[in-house]
PDB file of N, CA and C in Angstrom:
ATOM      1  N   MET A   1     -18.742 -44.278 -27.043  1.00  0.00           N
ATOM      2  CA  MET A   1     -18.984 -44.051 -28.434  1.00  0.00           C
ATOM      3  C   MET A   1     -20.186 -44.913 -28.823  1.00  0.00           C
ATOM      4  N   ILE A   2     -21.157 -44.299 -29.450  1.00  0.00           N
ATOM      5  CA  ILE A   2     -22.369 -44.988 -29.868  1.00  0.00           C
ATOM      6  C   ILE A   2     -22.466 -44.919 -31.393  1.00  0.00           C
ATOM      7  N   PHE A   3     -22.778 -46.050 -31.991  1.00  0.00           N
ATOM      8  CA  PHE A   3     -22.920 -46.132 -33.444  1.00  0.00           C
ATOM      9  C   PHE A   3     -24.399 -46.230 -33.808  1.00  0.00           C
ATOM     10  N   TYR A   4     -24.791 -45.500 -34.827  1.00  0.00           N
ATOM     11  CA  TYR A   4     -26.152 -45.533 -35.346  1.00  0.00           C
ATOM     12  C   TYR A   4     -26.097 -45.777 -36.849  1.00  0.00           C
ATOM     13  N   ASP A   5     -27.243 -46.066 -37.437  1.00  0.00           N
ATOM     14  CA  ASP A   5     -27.392 -46.202 -38.885  1.00  0.00           C
ATOM     15  C   ASP A   5     -26.344 -47.140 -39.487  1.00  0.00           C
ATOM     16  N   GLU A   6     -26.300 -48.356 -38.952  1.00  0.00           N
ATOM     17  CA  GLU A   6     -25.390 -49.399 -39.439  1.00  0.00           C
ATOM     18  C   GLU A   6     -23.928 -48.971 -39.381  1.00  0.00           C
ATOM     19  N   GLY A   7     -23.573 -48.197 -38.340  1.00  0.00           N
ATOM     20  CA  GLY A   7     -22.188 -47.788 -38.133  1.00  0.00           C
ATOM     21  C   GLY A   7     -21.748 -46.586 -38.939  1.00  0.00           C
ATOM     22  N   ARG A   8     -22.670 -45.921 -39.624  1.00  0.00           N
ATOM     23  CA  ARG A   8     -22.285 -44.764 -40.440  1.00  0.00           C
ATOM     24  C   ARG A   8     -22.416 -43.444 -39.693  1.00  0.00           C
ATOM     25  N   LEU A   9     -23.081 -43.452 -38.539  1.00  0.00           N
ATOM     26  CA  LEU A   9     -23.240 -42.255 -37.724  1.00  0.00           C
ATOM     27  C   LEU A   9     -22.705 -42.561 -36.329  1.00  0.00           C
ATOM     28  N   VAL A  10     -21.801 -41.710 -35.840  1.00  0.00           N
ATOM     29  CA  VAL A  10     -21.131 -41.950 -34.560  1.00  0.00           C
ATOM     30  C   VAL A  10     -21.277 -40.710 -33.686  1.00  0.00           C
ATOM     31  N   CYS A  11     -21.518 -40.937 -32.383  1.00  0.00           N
ATOM     32  CA  CYS A  11     -21.490 -39.829 -31.430  1.00  0.00           C
ATOM     33  C   CYS A  11     -20.986 -40.357 -30.091  1.00  0.00           C
ATOM     34  N   PHE A  12     -20.575 -39.451 -29.239  1.00  0.00           N
ATOM     35  CA  PHE A  12     -20.112 -39.799 -27.899  1.00  0.00           C
ATOM     36  C   PHE A  12     -21.243 -39.515 -26.919  1.00  0.00           C
ATOM     37  N   GLU A  13     -21.483 -40.439 -25.987  1.00  0.00           N
ATOM     38  CA  GLU A  13     -22.518 -40.250 -24.976  1.00  0.00           C
ATOM     39  C   GLU A  13     -21.943 -40.543 -23.597  1.00  0.00           C
ATOM     40  N   SER A  14     -22.320 -39.706 -22.638  1.00  0.00           N
ATOM     41  CA  SER A  14     -21.843 -39.838 -21.266  1.00  0.00           C
ATOM     42  C   SER A  14     -22.553 -40.980 -20.544  1.00  0.00           C
ATOM     43  N   THR A  15     -21.858 -41.590 -19.599  1.00  0.00           N
ATOM     44  CA  THR A  15     -22.437 -42.663 -18.785  1.00  0.00           C
ATOM     45  C   THR A  15     -22.509 -42.269 -17.315  1.00  0.00           C
ATOM     46  N   VAL A  16     -22.461 -40.969 -17.016  1.00  0.00           N
ATOM     47  CA  VAL A  16     -22.503 -40.495 -15.636  1.00  0.00           C
ATOM     48  C   VAL A  16     -23.859 -40.803 -14.993  1.00  0.00           C
ATOM     49  N   ASP A  17     -23.931 -40.753 -13.675  1.00  0.00           N
ATOM     50  CA  ASP A  17     -25.162 -41.046 -12.943  1.00  0.00           C
ATOM     51  C   ASP A  17     -26.153 -39.882 -12.932  1.00  0.00           C
ATOM     52  N   ASP A  18     -25.683 -38.675 -13.227  1.00  0.00           N
ATOM     53  CA  ASP A  18     -26.559 -37.501 -13.247  1.00  0.00           C
ATOM     54  C   ASP A  18     -27.543 -37.636 -14.411  1.00  0.00           C
ATOM     55  N   LEU A  19     -28.829 -37.770 -14.114  1.00  0.00           N
ATOM     56  CA  LEU A  19     -29.820 -38.020 -15.150  1.00  0.00           C
ATOM     57  C   LEU A  19     -29.944 -36.882 -16.156  1.00  0.00           C
ATOM     58  N   LYS A  20     -29.562 -35.665 -15.765  1.00  0.00           N
ATOM     59  CA  LYS A  20     -29.612 -34.544 -16.703  1.00  0.00           C
ATOM     60  C   LYS A  20     -28.533 -34.665 -17.769  1.00  0.00           C
ATOM     61  N   LEU A  21     -27.452 -35.391 -17.473  1.00  0.00           N
ATOM     62  CA  LEU A  21     -26.329 -35.491 -18.404  1.00  0.00           C
ATOM     63  C   LEU A  21     -26.173 -36.885 -19.012  1.00  0.00           C
ATOM     64  N   LYS A  22     -26.825 -37.877 -18.436  1.00  0.00           N
ATOM     65  CA  LYS A  22     -26.688 -39.251 -18.919  1.00  0.00           C
ATOM     66  C   LYS A  22     -27.222 -39.357 -20.350  1.00  0.00           C
ATOM     67  N   GLY A  23     -26.443 -39.972 -21.220  1.00  0.00           N
ATOM     68  CA  GLY A  23     -26.831 -40.114 -22.617  1.00  0.00           C
ATOM     69  C   GLY A  23     -26.538 -38.893 -23.462  1.00  0.00           C
ATOM     70  N   LYS A  24     -26.071 -37.832 -22.826  1.00  0.00           N
ATOM     71  CA  LYS A  24     -25.683 -36.607 -23.545  1.00  0.00           C
ATOM     72  C   LYS A  24     -24.192 -36.653 -23.831  1.00  0.00           C
ATOM     73  N   SER A  25     -23.713 -35.665 -24.519  1.00  0.00           N
ATOM     74  CA  SER A  25     -22.294 -35.591 -24.841  1.00  0.00           C
ATOM     75  C   SER A  25     -21.454 -35.379 -23.579  1.00  0.00           C
ATOM     76  N   PRO A  26     -20.282 -36.029 -23.485  1.00  0.00           N
ATOM     77  CA  PRO A  26     -19.395 -35.769 -22.356  1.00  0.00           C
ATOM     78  C   PRO A  26     -18.673 -34.423 -22.487  1.00  0.00           C
ATOM     79  N   LEU A  27     -18.795 -33.768 -23.630  1.00  0.00           N
ATOM     80  CA  LEU A  27     -18.220 -32.433 -23.817  1.00  0.00           C
ATOM     81  C   LEU A  27     -19.241 -31.431 -23.308  1.00  0.00           C
ATOM     82  N   ILE A  28     -18.906 -30.727 -22.227  1.00  0.00           N
ATOM     83  CA  ILE A  28     -19.877 -29.855 -21.573  1.00  0.00           C
ATOM     84  C   ILE A  28     -19.337 -28.434 -21.485  1.00  0.00           C
ATOM     85  N   ALA A  29     -20.124 -27.493 -21.990  1.00  0.00           N
ATOM     86  CA  ALA A  29     -19.804 -26.080 -21.849  1.00  0.00           C
ATOM     87  C   ALA A  29     -20.385 -25.611 -20.522  1.00  0.00           C
ATOM     88  N   THR A  30     -19.644 -24.822 -19.780  1.00  0.00           N
ATOM     89  CA  THR A  30     -20.140 -24.301 -18.506  1.00  0.00           C
ATOM     90  C   THR A  30     -20.012 -22.782 -18.476  1.00  0.00           C
ATOM     91  N   ALA A  31     -20.927 -22.163 -17.744  1.00  0.00           N
ATOM     92  CA  ALA A  31     -20.894 -20.716 -17.539  1.00  0.00           C
ATOM     93  C   ALA A  31     -21.339 -20.442 -16.116  1.00  0.00           C
ATOM     94  N   THR A  32     -20.710 -19.475 -15.493  1.00  0.00           N
ATOM     95  CA  THR A  32     -21.041 -19.106 -14.116  1.00  0.00           C
ATOM     96  C   THR A  32     -21.778 -17.777 -14.111  1.00  0.00           C
ATOM     97  N   ASN A  33     -22.852 -17.706 -13.342  1.00  0.00           N
ATOM     98  CA  ASN A  33     -23.600 -16.470 -13.188  1.00  0.00           C
ATOM     99  C   ASN A  33     -22.722 -15.475 -12.432  1.00  0.00           C
ATOM    100  N   PRO A  34     -22.418 -14.307 -13.012  1.00  0.00           N
ATOM    101  CA  PRO A  34     -21.540 -13.351 -12.329  1.00  0.00           C
ATOM    102  C   PRO A  34     -22.141 -12.810 -11.030  1.00  0.00           C
ATOM    103  N   ASN A  35     -23.461 -12.847 -10.897  1.00  0.00           N
ATOM    104  CA  ASN A  35     -24.117 -12.355  -9.675  1.00  0.00           C
ATOM    105  C   ASN A  35     -24.189 -13.422  -8.590  1.00  0.00           C
ATOM    106  N   ASP A  36     -24.039 -14.694  -8.980  1.00  0.00           N
ATOM    107  CA  ASP A  36     -24.108 -15.801  -8.020  1.00  0.00           C
ATOM    108  C   ASP A  36     -23.134 -16.892  -8.460  1.00  0.00           C
ATOM    109  N   PRO A  37     -21.909 -16.902  -7.930  1.00  0.00           N
ATOM    110  CA  PRO A  37     -20.894 -17.864  -8.356  1.00  0.00           C
ATOM    111  C   PRO A  37     -21.295 -19.330  -8.154  1.00  0.00           C
ATOM    112  N   LYS A  38     -22.281 -19.590  -7.294  1.00  0.00           N
ATOM    113  CA  LYS A  38     -22.733 -20.963  -7.087  1.00  0.00           C
ATOM    114  C   LYS A  38     -23.692 -21.428  -8.191  1.00  0.00           C
ATOM    115  N   ASP A  39     -24.208 -20.473  -8.966  1.00  0.00           N
ATOM    116  CA  ASP A  39     -25.131 -20.769 -10.056  1.00  0.00           C
ATOM    117  C   ASP A  39     -24.320 -21.073 -11.325  1.00  0.00           C
ATOM    118  N   ILE A  40     -24.184 -22.351 -11.642  1.00  0.00           N
ATOM    119  CA  ILE A  40     -23.388 -22.769 -12.793  1.00  0.00           C
ATOM    120  C   ILE A  40     -24.308 -23.407 -13.832  1.00  0.00           C
ATOM    121  N   TYR A  41     -24.218 -22.924 -15.047  1.00  0.00           N
ATOM    122  CA  TYR A  41     -25.008 -23.437 -16.161  1.00  0.00           C
ATOM    123  C   TYR A  41     -24.172 -24.458 -16.912  1.00  0.00           C
ATOM    124  N   LYS A  42     -24.725 -25.644 -17.168  1.00  0.00           N
ATOM    125  CA  LYS A  42     -24.022 -26.686 -17.911  1.00  0.00           C
ATOM    126  C   LYS A  42     -24.832 -27.047 -19.146  1.00  0.00           C
ATOM    127  N   LYS A  43     -24.162 -27.108 -20.290  1.00  0.00           N
ATOM    128  CA  LYS A  43     -24.827 -27.439 -21.548  1.00  0.00           C
ATOM    129  C   LYS A  43     -23.958 -28.425 -22.322  1.00  0.00           C
ATOM    130  N   PRO A  44     -24.443 -29.655 -22.534  1.00  0.00           N
ATOM    131  CA  PRO A  44     -23.680 -30.615 -23.337  1.00  0.00           C
ATOM    132  C   PRO A  44     -23.588 -30.150 -24.795  1.00  0.00           C
ATOM    133  N   ILE A  45     -22.447 -30.375 -25.403  1.00  0.00           N
ATOM    134  CA  ILE A  45     -22.243 -30.049 -26.816  1.00  0.00           C
ATOM    135  C   ILE A  45     -22.175 -31.369 -27.569  1.00  0.00           C
ATOM    136  N   GLN A  46     -23.185 -31.638 -28.366  1.00  0.00           N
ATOM    137  CA  GLN A  46     -23.287 -32.924 -29.062  1.00  0.00           C
ATOM    138  C   GLN A  46     -22.715 -32.809 -30.468  1.00  0.00           C
ATOM    139  N   PHE A  47     -21.806 -33.714 -30.803  1.00  0.00           N
ATOM    140  CA  PHE A  47     -21.243 -33.801 -32.143  1.00  0.00           C
ATOM    141  C   PHE A  47     -21.615 -35.149 -32.735  1.00  0.00           C
ATOM    142  N   TYR A  48     -22.017 -35.139 -33.974  1.00  0.00           N
ATOM    143  CA  TYR A  48     -22.288 -36.371 -34.703  1.00  0.00           C
ATOM    144  C   TYR A  48     -21.323 -36.438 -35.878  1.00  0.00           C
ATOM    145  N   PHE A  49     -20.720 -37.585 -36.063  1.00  0.00           N
ATOM    146  CA  PHE A  49     -19.807 -37.788 -37.170  1.00  0.00           C
ATOM    147  C   PHE A  49     -20.454 -38.769 -38.131  1.00  0.00           C
ATOM    148  N   TYR A  50     -20.471 -38.424 -39.398  1.00  0.00           N
ATOM    149  CA  TYR A  50     -21.164 -39.205 -40.409  1.00  0.00           C
ATOM    150  C   TYR A  50     -20.184 -39.746 -41.433  1.00  0.00           C
ATOM    151  N   MET A  51     -20.330 -41.010 -41.784  1.00  0.00           N
ATOM    152  CA  MET A  51     -19.513 -41.620 -42.826  1.00  0.00           C
ATOM    153  C   MET A  51     -20.424 -41.882 -44.027  1.00  0.00           C
ATOM    154  N   PRO A  52     -20.232 -41.148 -45.112  1.00  0.00           N
ATOM    155  CA  PRO A  52     -21.072 -41.341 -46.289  1.00  0.00           C
ATOM    156  C   PRO A  52     -20.948 -42.766 -46.841  1.00  0.00           C
ATOM    157  N   LYS A  53     -22.004 -43.221 -47.471  1.00  0.00           N
ATOM    158  CA  LYS A  53     -22.025 -44.553 -48.062  1.00  0.00           C
ATOM    159  C   LYS A  53     -20.895 -44.680 -49.095  1.00  0.00           C
ATOM    160  N   GLY A  54     -20.149 -45.764 -49.028  1.00  0.00           N
ATOM    161  CA  GLY A  54     -19.045 -45.997 -49.953  1.00  0.00           C
ATOM    162  C   GLY A  54     -17.747 -45.318 -49.543  1.00  0.00           C
ATOM    163  N   SER A  55     -17.709 -44.704 -48.349  1.00  0.00           N
ATOM    164  CA  SER A  55     -16.517 -44.011 -47.881  1.00  0.00           C
ATOM    165  C   SER A  55     -15.996 -44.688 -46.620  1.00  0.00           C
ATOM    166  N   ASN A  56     -14.707 -44.493 -46.329  1.00  0.00           N
ATOM    167  CA  ASN A  56     -14.102 -45.011 -45.106  1.00  0.00           C
ATOM    168  C   ASN A  56     -13.706 -43.868 -44.178  1.00  0.00           C
ATOM    169  N   GLU A  57     -14.138 -42.638 -44.461  1.00  0.00           N
ATOM    170  CA  GLU A  57     -13.766 -41.475 -43.667  1.00  0.00           C
ATOM    171  C   GLU A  57     -14.995 -40.827 -43.063  1.00  0.00           C
ATOM    172  N   LEU A  58     -14.837 -40.289 -41.849  1.00  0.00           N
ATOM    173  CA  LEU A  58     -15.939 -39.578 -41.187  1.00  0.00           C
ATOM    174  C   LEU A  58     -16.018 -38.167 -41.698  1.00  0.00           C
TER     175      LEU A  58
END
């Protein structure tokens, strides 16, 4: 979990060794090419949670 903007913005970031995924979201959507099952597409899904000023809720 990484905090930005004085703790008002939060996101999750991966710590894996794969440089394509490092620093990206650990939530990953995958799709397989129907013509080539070894061809797998991976796309991180990044979510940011924001806490408005004067609030205690994301």
